[in-house]
Amino acid sequence: MKEELIELQTQMSFQEDTVAQLNDVVTRQQQEIDQLKLQVQQLKKQMQEVVAGDVEGDSDDAPPPHY
């Protein structure tokens, strides 16, 4: 009976360690996701600015291209 208790305690210890490791991985992944979301927002803003600049630059007063 004592051996069974020791075996269960050993298994529980390994499971606690595994859960802690998984928690660390999930935490790092969430941080990376948050950073990537911010980068995507910044890229969207930059693209909107570029597109808005192109639309404003499409006027008949623009000089012809040089060859």
Protein backbone atom coordinates (compact mmCIF):
# COMPACT_ATOMS: atom_id res chain seq x y z
CA MET A 1 0.00 0.00 0.00
CA LYS A 2 2.82 2.38 0.86
CA GLU A 3 4.49 1.68 -2.50
CA GLU A 4 1.28 2.57 -4.32
CA LEU A 5 1.08 5.87 -2.45
CA ILE A 6 4.68 6.68 -3.36
CA GLU A 7 3.97 5.80 -7.01
CA LEU A 8 0.92 8.08 -7.07
CA GLN A 9 2.89 10.92 -5.49
CA THR A 10 5.64 10.47 -8.07
CA GLN A 11 3.14 10.55 -10.94
CA MET A 12 1.48 13.63 -9.48
CA SER A 13 4.83 15.38 -9.22
CA PHE A 14 5.58 14.69 -12.89
CA GLN A 15 2.11 15.91 -13.89
CA GLU A 16 2.55 19.14 -11.93
CA ASP A 17 5.87 19.73 -13.68
CA THR A 18 4.29 19.06 -17.08
CA VAL A 19 1.42 21.47 -16.35
CA ALA A 20 3.91 24.17 -15.31
CA GLN A 21 5.89 23.68 -18.53
CA LEU A 22 2.74 23.83 -20.64
CA ASN A 23 1.67 27.00 -18.86
CA ASP A 24 5.01 28.60 -19.70
CA VAL A 25 4.61 27.66 -23.36
CA VAL A 26 1.06 29.02 -23.52
CA THR A 27 2.14 32.26 -21.84
CA ARG A 28 4.99 32.77 -24.34
CA GLN A 29 2.70 31.99 -27.26
CA GLN A 30 0.14 34.53 -26.07
CA GLN A 31 2.85 37.17 -25.83
CA GLU A 32 3.95 36.37 -29.38
CA ILE A 33 0.35 36.53 -30.60
CA ASP A 34 -0.09 39.94 -28.98
CA GLN A 35 3.10 41.21 -30.63
CA LEU A 36 2.04 39.86 -34.02
CA LYS A 37 -1.39 41.48 -33.71
CA LEU A 38 0.28 44.82 -33.03
CA GLN A 39 2.56 44.40 -36.04
CA VAL A 40 -0.39 43.55 -38.28
CA GLN A 41 -2.24 46.66 -37.09
CA GLN A 42 0.82 48.79 -37.83
CA LEU A 43 1.19 47.25 -41.28
CA LYS A 44 -2.49 47.86 -42.05
CA LYS A 45 -2.08 51.50 -41.04
CA GLN A 46 1.00 51.85 -43.24
CA MET A 47 -0.78 50.25 -46.20
CA GLN A 48 -3.76 52.57 -45.77
CA GLU A 49 -1.40 55.55 -45.75
CA VAL A 50 0.34 54.31 -48.90
CA VAL A 51 -2.95 53.71 -50.68
CA ALA A 52 -4.27 57.11 -49.59
CA GLY A 53 -1.05 58.72 -50.86
CA ASP A 54 -1.38 56.97 -54.22
CA VAL A 55 -4.98 58.09 -54.60
CA GLU A 56 -4.06 61.69 -53.80
CA GLY A 57 -1.13 61.51 -56.21
CA ASP A 58 -3.30 60.39 -59.14
CA SER A 59 -4.03 63.78 -60.60
CA ASP A 60 -3.78 65.13 -64.14
CA ASP A 61 -1.07 67.55 -62.99
CA ALA A 62 1.42 64.71 -62.53
CA PRO A 63 4.36 64.91 -64.94
CA PRO A 64 4.61 62.19 -67.60
CA PRO A 65 7.01 59.33 -66.93
CA HIS A 66 10.50 59.67 -68.36
CA TYR A 67 11.87 56.88 -70.52
